[in-house]
Amino acid sequence: MKIVLNGEPREVQASALSDLLAECGFSGRVATAVNEEFVPSSRRIGCELKDGDRVEILSPMQGG
């Protein structure tokens, strides 16, 4: 399926947001949004992705 991940077109196999995180190698604490709507970690397993979805995955950064 084709999605837009962090602004870049990407072909993925995952059908749920939780699977996408694993497929793309994201681990630990991240924030997620699908089509500009925040998706809490408790809803990622049930968040089904569709062709053309826009997904944002953000990792917290430390520093100053």
PDB file of N, CA and C in Angstrom:
ATOM      1  N   MET A   1       0.843  -1.159   0.000  1.00  0.00           N
ATOM      2  CA  MET A   1       0.000   0.000   0.000  1.00  0.00           C
ATOM      3  C   MET A   1       0.892   1.226   0.000  1.00  0.00           C
ATOM      4  N   LYS A   2       0.419   2.297  -0.618  1.00  0.00           N
ATOM      5  CA  LYS A   2       1.176   3.542  -0.677  1.00  0.00           C
ATOM      6  C   LYS A   2       0.614   4.519   0.351  1.00  0.00           C
ATOM      7  N   ILE A   3       1.511   5.050   1.185  1.00  0.00           N
ATOM      8  CA  ILE A   3       1.149   6.059   2.162  1.00  0.00           C
ATOM      9  C   ILE A   3       2.161   7.194   2.065  1.00  0.00           C
ATOM     10  N   VAL A   4       1.926   8.256   2.803  1.00  0.00           N
ATOM     11  CA  VAL A   4       2.896   9.333   2.939  1.00  0.00           C
ATOM     12  C   VAL A   4       3.350   9.297   4.398  1.00  0.00           C
ATOM     13  N   LEU A   5       4.614   8.992   4.620  1.00  0.00           N
ATOM     14  CA  LEU A   5       5.169   8.868   5.962  1.00  0.00           C
ATOM     15  C   LEU A   5       6.123  10.032   6.217  1.00  0.00           C
ATOM     16  N   ASN A   6       5.780  10.856   7.189  1.00  0.00           N
ATOM     17  CA  ASN A   6       6.585  12.036   7.524  1.00  0.00           C
ATOM     18  C   ASN A   6       6.914  12.870   6.283  1.00  0.00           C
ATOM     19  N   GLY A   7       5.913  13.024   5.418  1.00  0.00           N
ATOM     20  CA  GLY A   7       6.048  13.874   4.244  1.00  0.00           C
ATOM     21  C   GLY A   7       6.649  13.212   3.017  1.00  0.00           C
ATOM     22  N   GLU A   8       7.034  11.933   3.127  1.00  0.00           N
ATOM     23  CA  GLU A   8       7.666  11.229   2.010  1.00  0.00           C
ATOM     24  C   GLU A   8       6.793  10.061   1.542  1.00  0.00           C
ATOM     25  N   PRO A   9       6.539   9.936   0.246  1.00  0.00           N
ATOM     26  CA  PRO A   9       5.782   8.779  -0.250  1.00  0.00           C
ATOM     27  C   PRO A   9       6.528   7.488   0.081  1.00  0.00           C
ATOM     28  N   ARG A  10       5.772   6.462   0.456  1.00  0.00           N
ATOM     29  CA  ARG A  10       6.406   5.202   0.845  1.00  0.00           C
ATOM     30  C   ARG A  10       5.454   4.044   0.565  1.00  0.00           C
ATOM     31  N   GLU A  11       6.025   2.943   0.116  1.00  0.00           N
ATOM     32  CA  GLU A  11       5.284   1.695  -0.094  1.00  0.00           C
ATOM     33  C   GLU A  11       5.510   0.822   1.132  1.00  0.00           C
ATOM     34  N   VAL A  12       4.418   0.378   1.779  1.00  0.00           N
ATOM     35  CA  VAL A  12       4.534  -0.426   2.991  1.00  0.00           C
ATOM     36  C   VAL A  12       3.638  -1.652   2.919  1.00  0.00           C
ATOM     37  N   GLN A  13       3.950  -2.638   3.751  1.00  0.00           N
ATOM     38  CA  GLN A  13       3.139  -3.852   3.852  1.00  0.00           C
ATOM     39  C   GLN A  13       2.140  -3.775   5.000  1.00  0.00           C
ATOM     40  N   ALA A  14       2.434  -2.975   6.014  1.00  0.00           N
ATOM     41  CA  ALA A  14       1.619  -2.906   7.235  1.00  0.00           C
ATOM     42  C   ALA A  14       0.201  -2.447   6.935  1.00  0.00           C
ATOM     43  N   SER A  15      -0.749  -3.038   7.655  1.00  0.00           N
ATOM     44  CA  SER A  15      -2.143  -2.623   7.503  1.00  0.00           C
ATOM     45  C   SER A  15      -2.644  -1.879   8.742  1.00  0.00           C
ATOM     46  N   ALA A  16      -1.908  -1.941   9.850  1.00  0.00           N
ATOM     47  CA  ALA A  16      -2.269  -1.222  11.075  1.00  0.00           C
ATOM     48  C   ALA A  16      -1.105  -0.324  11.475  1.00  0.00           C
ATOM     49  N   LEU A  17      -1.415   0.734  12.180  1.00  0.00           N
ATOM     50  CA  LEU A  17      -0.390   1.684  12.591  1.00  0.00           C
ATOM     51  C   LEU A  17       0.674   1.011  13.454  1.00  0.00           C
ATOM     52  N   SER A  18       0.277   0.120  14.349  1.00  0.00           N
ATOM     53  CA  SER A  18       1.252  -0.577  15.193  1.00  0.00           C
ATOM     54  C   SER A  18       2.211  -1.404  14.342  1.00  0.00           C
ATOM     55  N   ASP A  19       1.713  -2.033  13.303  1.00  0.00           N
ATOM     56  CA  ASP A  19       2.565  -2.822  12.405  1.00  0.00           C
ATOM     57  C   ASP A  19       3.506  -1.913  11.608  1.00  0.00           C
ATOM     58  N   LEU A  20       3.029  -0.734  11.231  1.00  0.00           N
ATOM     59  CA  LEU A  20       3.865   0.214  10.496  1.00  0.00           C
ATOM     60  C   LEU A  20       5.060   0.639  11.339  1.00  0.00           C
ATOM     61  N   LEU A  21       4.828   0.899  12.619  1.00  0.00           N
ATOM     62  CA  LEU A  21       5.930   1.284  13.507  1.00  0.00           C
ATOM     63  C   LEU A  21       7.002   0.200  13.525  1.00  0.00           C
ATOM     64  N   ALA A  22       6.579  -1.048  13.635  1.00  0.00           N
ATOM     65  CA  ALA A  22       7.535  -2.160  13.652  1.00  0.00           C
ATOM     66  C   ALA A  22       8.241  -2.286  12.306  1.00  0.00           C
ATOM     67  N   GLU A  23       7.489  -2.202  11.220  1.00  0.00           N
ATOM     68  CA  GLU A  23       8.057  -2.346   9.879  1.00  0.00           C
ATOM     69  C   GLU A  23       9.118  -1.273   9.594  1.00  0.00           C
ATOM     70  N   CYS A  24       8.887  -0.078  10.100  1.00  0.00           N
ATOM     71  CA  CYS A  24       9.809   1.034   9.835  1.00  0.00           C
ATOM     72  C   CYS A  24      10.893   1.186  10.899  1.00  0.00           C
ATOM     73  N   GLY A  25      10.896   0.296  11.886  1.00  0.00           N
ATOM     74  CA  GLY A  25      11.962   0.291  12.880  1.00  0.00           C
ATOM     75  C   GLY A  25      11.822   1.306  14.000  1.00  0.00           C
ATOM     76  N   PHE A  26      10.622   1.828  14.216  1.00  0.00           N
ATOM     77  CA  PHE A  26      10.413   2.754  15.327  1.00  0.00           C
ATOM     78  C   PHE A  26      10.186   1.959  16.598  1.00  0.00           C
ATOM     79  N   SER A  27      10.859   2.362  17.661  1.00  0.00           N
ATOM     80  CA  SER A  27      10.659   1.713  18.955  1.00  0.00           C
ATOM     81  C   SER A  27      10.724   2.775  20.037  1.00  0.00           C
ATOM     82  N   GLY A  28      10.331   2.418  21.229  1.00  0.00           N
ATOM     83  CA  GLY A  28      10.325   3.385  22.315  1.00  0.00           C
ATOM     84  C   GLY A  28       9.143   4.323  22.211  1.00  0.00           C
ATOM     85  N   ARG A  29       9.281   5.459  22.834  1.00  0.00           N
ATOM     86  CA  ARG A  29       8.189   6.432  22.879  1.00  0.00           C
ATOM     87  C   ARG A  29       8.173   7.281  21.610  1.00  0.00           C
ATOM     88  N   VAL A  30       7.053   7.263  20.937  1.00  0.00           N
ATOM     89  CA  VAL A  30       6.849   8.097  19.759  1.00  0.00           C
ATOM     90  C   VAL A  30       5.426   8.652  19.798  1.00  0.00           C
ATOM     91  N   ALA A  31       5.212   9.739  19.098  1.00  0.00           N
ATOM     92  CA  ALA A  31       3.876  10.296  18.914  1.00  0.00           C
ATOM     93  C   ALA A  31       3.451   9.985  17.489  1.00  0.00           C
ATOM     94  N   THR A  32       2.169   9.647  17.317  1.00  0.00           N
ATOM     95  CA  THR A  32       1.684   9.272  15.987  1.00  0.00           C
ATOM     96  C   THR A  32       0.414  10.041  15.630  1.00  0.00           C
ATOM     97  N   ALA A  33       0.290  10.304  14.330  1.00  0.00           N
ATOM     98  CA  ALA A  33      -0.918  10.926  13.801  1.00  0.00           C
ATOM     99  C   ALA A  33      -1.200  10.328  12.429  1.00  0.00           C
ATOM    100  N   VAL A  34      -2.466  10.143  12.127  1.00  0.00           N
ATOM    101  CA  VAL A  34      -2.892   9.670  10.811  1.00  0.00           C
ATOM    102  C   VAL A  34      -3.869  10.698  10.264  1.00  0.00           C
ATOM    103  N   ASN A  35      -3.559  11.204   9.080  1.00  0.00           N
ATOM    104  CA  ASN A  35      -4.383  12.232   8.440  1.00  0.00           C
ATOM    105  C   ASN A  35      -4.644  13.399   9.392  1.00  0.00           C
ATOM    106  N   GLU A  36      -3.556  13.838  10.058  1.00  0.00           N
ATOM    107  CA  GLU A  36      -3.551  14.987  10.950  1.00  0.00           C
ATOM    108  C   GLU A  36      -4.368  14.783  12.222  1.00  0.00           C
ATOM    109  N   GLU A  37      -4.713  13.543  12.564  1.00  0.00           N
ATOM    110  CA  GLU A  37      -5.433  13.253  13.801  1.00  0.00           C
ATOM    111  C   GLU A  37      -4.536  12.419  14.715  1.00  0.00           C
ATOM    112  N   PHE A  38      -4.281  12.923  15.930  1.00  0.00           N
ATOM    113  CA  PHE A  38      -3.435  12.238  16.896  1.00  0.00           C
ATOM    114  C   PHE A  38      -3.989  10.844  17.190  1.00  0.00           C
ATOM    115  N   VAL A  39      -3.095   9.848  17.223  1.00  0.00           N
ATOM    116  CA  VAL A  39      -3.481   8.484  17.565  1.00  0.00           C
ATOM    117  C   VAL A  39      -2.680   8.071  18.799  1.00  0.00           C
ATOM    118  N   PRO A  40      -3.344   7.936  19.970  1.00  0.00           N
ATOM    119  CA  PRO A  40      -2.620   7.520  21.172  1.00  0.00           C
ATOM    120  C   PRO A  40      -2.130   6.082  21.049  1.00  0.00           C
ATOM    121  N   SER A  41      -1.116   5.747  21.825  1.00  0.00           N
ATOM    122  CA  SER A  41      -0.514   4.404  21.735  1.00  0.00           C
ATOM    123  C   SER A  41      -1.537   3.308  21.980  1.00  0.00           C
ATOM    124  N   SER A  42      -2.528   3.555  22.806  1.00  0.00           N
ATOM    125  CA  SER A  42      -3.535   2.533  23.101  1.00  0.00           C
ATOM    126  C   SER A  42      -4.431   2.215  21.909  1.00  0.00           C
ATOM    127  N   ARG A  43      -4.460   3.071  20.893  1.00  0.00           N
ATOM    128  CA  ARG A  43      -5.315   2.853  19.717  1.00  0.00           C
ATOM    129  C   ARG A  43      -4.550   2.444  18.463  1.00  0.00           C
ATOM    130  N   ARG A  44      -3.240   2.291  18.560  1.00  0.00           N
ATOM    131  CA  ARG A  44      -2.446   1.995  17.367  1.00  0.00           C
ATOM    132  C   ARG A  44      -2.732   0.621  16.774  1.00  0.00           C
ATOM    133  N   ILE A  45      -2.985  -0.371  17.611  1.00  0.00           N
ATOM    134  CA  ILE A  45      -3.260  -1.722  17.095  1.00  0.00           C
ATOM    135  C   ILE A  45      -4.531  -1.722  16.246  1.00  0.00           C
ATOM    136  N   GLY A  46      -5.541  -1.014  16.686  1.00  0.00           N
ATOM    137  CA  GLY A  46      -6.813  -0.988  15.970  1.00  0.00           C
ATOM    138  C   GLY A  46      -6.901   0.070  14.888  1.00  0.00           C
ATOM    139  N   CYS A  47      -5.857   0.851  14.699  1.00  0.00           N
ATOM    140  CA  CYS A  47      -5.874   1.915  13.698  1.00  0.00           C
ATOM    141  C   CYS A  47      -5.465   1.349  12.341  1.00  0.00           C
ATOM    142  N   GLU A  48      -6.450   1.022  11.519  1.00  0.00           N
ATOM    143  CA  GLU A  48      -6.202   0.449  10.202  1.00  0.00           C
ATOM    144  C   GLU A  48      -5.809   1.544   9.216  1.00  0.00           C
ATOM    145  N   LEU A  49      -4.774   1.274   8.456  1.00  0.00           N
ATOM    146  CA  LEU A  49      -4.299   2.218   7.450  1.00  0.00           C
ATOM    147  C   LEU A  49      -4.942   1.933   6.107  1.00  0.00           C
ATOM    148  N   LYS A  50      -5.123   2.999   5.330  1.00  0.00           N
ATOM    149  CA  LYS A  50      -5.677   2.875   3.983  1.00  0.00           C
ATOM    150  C   LYS A  50      -4.712   3.501   2.986  1.00  0.00           C
ATOM    151  N   ASP A  51      -4.791   3.057   1.765  1.00  0.00           N
ATOM    152  CA  ASP A  51      -3.969   3.604   0.697  1.00  0.00           C
ATOM    153  C   ASP A  51      -4.138   5.118   0.658  1.00  0.00           C
ATOM    154  N   GLY A  52      -3.017   5.841   0.641  1.00  0.00           N
ATOM    155  CA  GLY A  52      -3.051   7.284   0.559  1.00  0.00           C
ATOM    156  C   GLY A  52      -3.048   8.005   1.901  1.00  0.00           C
ATOM    157  N   ASP A  53      -3.109   7.262   3.019  1.00  0.00           N
ATOM    158  CA  ASP A  53      -3.086   7.904   4.335  1.00  0.00           C
ATOM    159  C   ASP A  53      -1.789   8.688   4.528  1.00  0.00           C
ATOM    160  N   ARG A  54      -1.891   9.772   5.291  1.00  0.00           N
ATOM    161  CA  ARG A  54      -0.730  10.577   5.665  1.00  0.00           C
ATOM    162  C   ARG A  54      -0.415  10.277   7.124  1.00  0.00           C
ATOM    163  N   VAL A  55       0.753   9.717   7.373  1.00  0.00           N
ATOM    164  CA  VAL A  55       1.151   9.294   8.717  1.00  0.00           C
ATOM    165  C   VAL A  55       2.350  10.123   9.172  1.00  0.00           C
ATOM    166  N   GLU A  56       2.275  10.608  10.394  1.00  0.00           N
ATOM    167  CA  GLU A  56       3.391  11.326  11.011  1.00  0.00           C
ATOM    168  C   GLU A  56       3.825  10.539  12.243  1.00  0.00           C
ATOM    169  N   ILE A  57       5.124  10.314  12.372  1.00  0.00           N
ATOM    170  CA  ILE A  57       5.697   9.639  13.526  1.00  0.00           C
ATOM    171  C   ILE A  57       6.822  10.527  14.047  1.00  0.00           C
ATOM    172  N   LEU A  58       6.704  10.943  15.289  1.00  0.00           N
ATOM    173  CA  LEU A  58       7.671  11.858  15.882  1.00  0.00           C
ATOM    174  C   LEU A  58       8.292  11.241  17.130  1.00  0.00           C
ATOM    175  N   SER A  59       9.598  11.350  17.247  1.00  0.00           N
ATOM    176  CA  SER A  59      10.322  10.879  18.422  1.00  0.00           C
ATOM    177  C   SER A  59      10.731  12.078  19.255  1.00  0.00           C
ATOM    178  N   PRO A  60      10.617  11.965  20.585  1.00  0.00           N
ATOM    179  CA  PRO A  60      11.068  13.081  21.429  1.00  0.00           C
ATOM    180  C   PRO A  60      12.583  13.246  21.327  1.00  0.00           C
ATOM    181  N   MET A  61      13.036  14.490  21.420  1.00  0.00           N
ATOM    182  CA  MET A  61      14.465  14.781  21.341  1.00  0.00           C
ATOM    183  C   MET A  61      14.889  15.474  22.627  1.00  0.00           C
ATOM    184  N   GLN A  62      16.102  15.184  23.052  1.00  0.00           N
ATOM    185  CA  GLN A  62      16.637  15.865  24.230  1.00  0.00           C
ATOM    186  C   GLN A  62      17.698  16.855  23.784  1.00  0.00           C
ATOM    187  N   GLY A  63      17.930  17.790  24.610  1.00  0.00           N
ATOM    188  CA  GLY A  63      18.953  18.772  24.284  1.00  0.00           C
ATOM    189  C   GLY A  63      18.454  20.169  24.543  1.00  0.00           C
ATOM    190  N   GLY A  64      19.239  21.108  24.157  1.00  0.00           N
ATOM    191  CA  GLY A  64      18.799  22.473  24.416  1.00  0.00           C
ATOM    192  C   GLY A  64      19.510  23.469  23.572  1.00  0.00           C
TER     193      GLY A  64
END
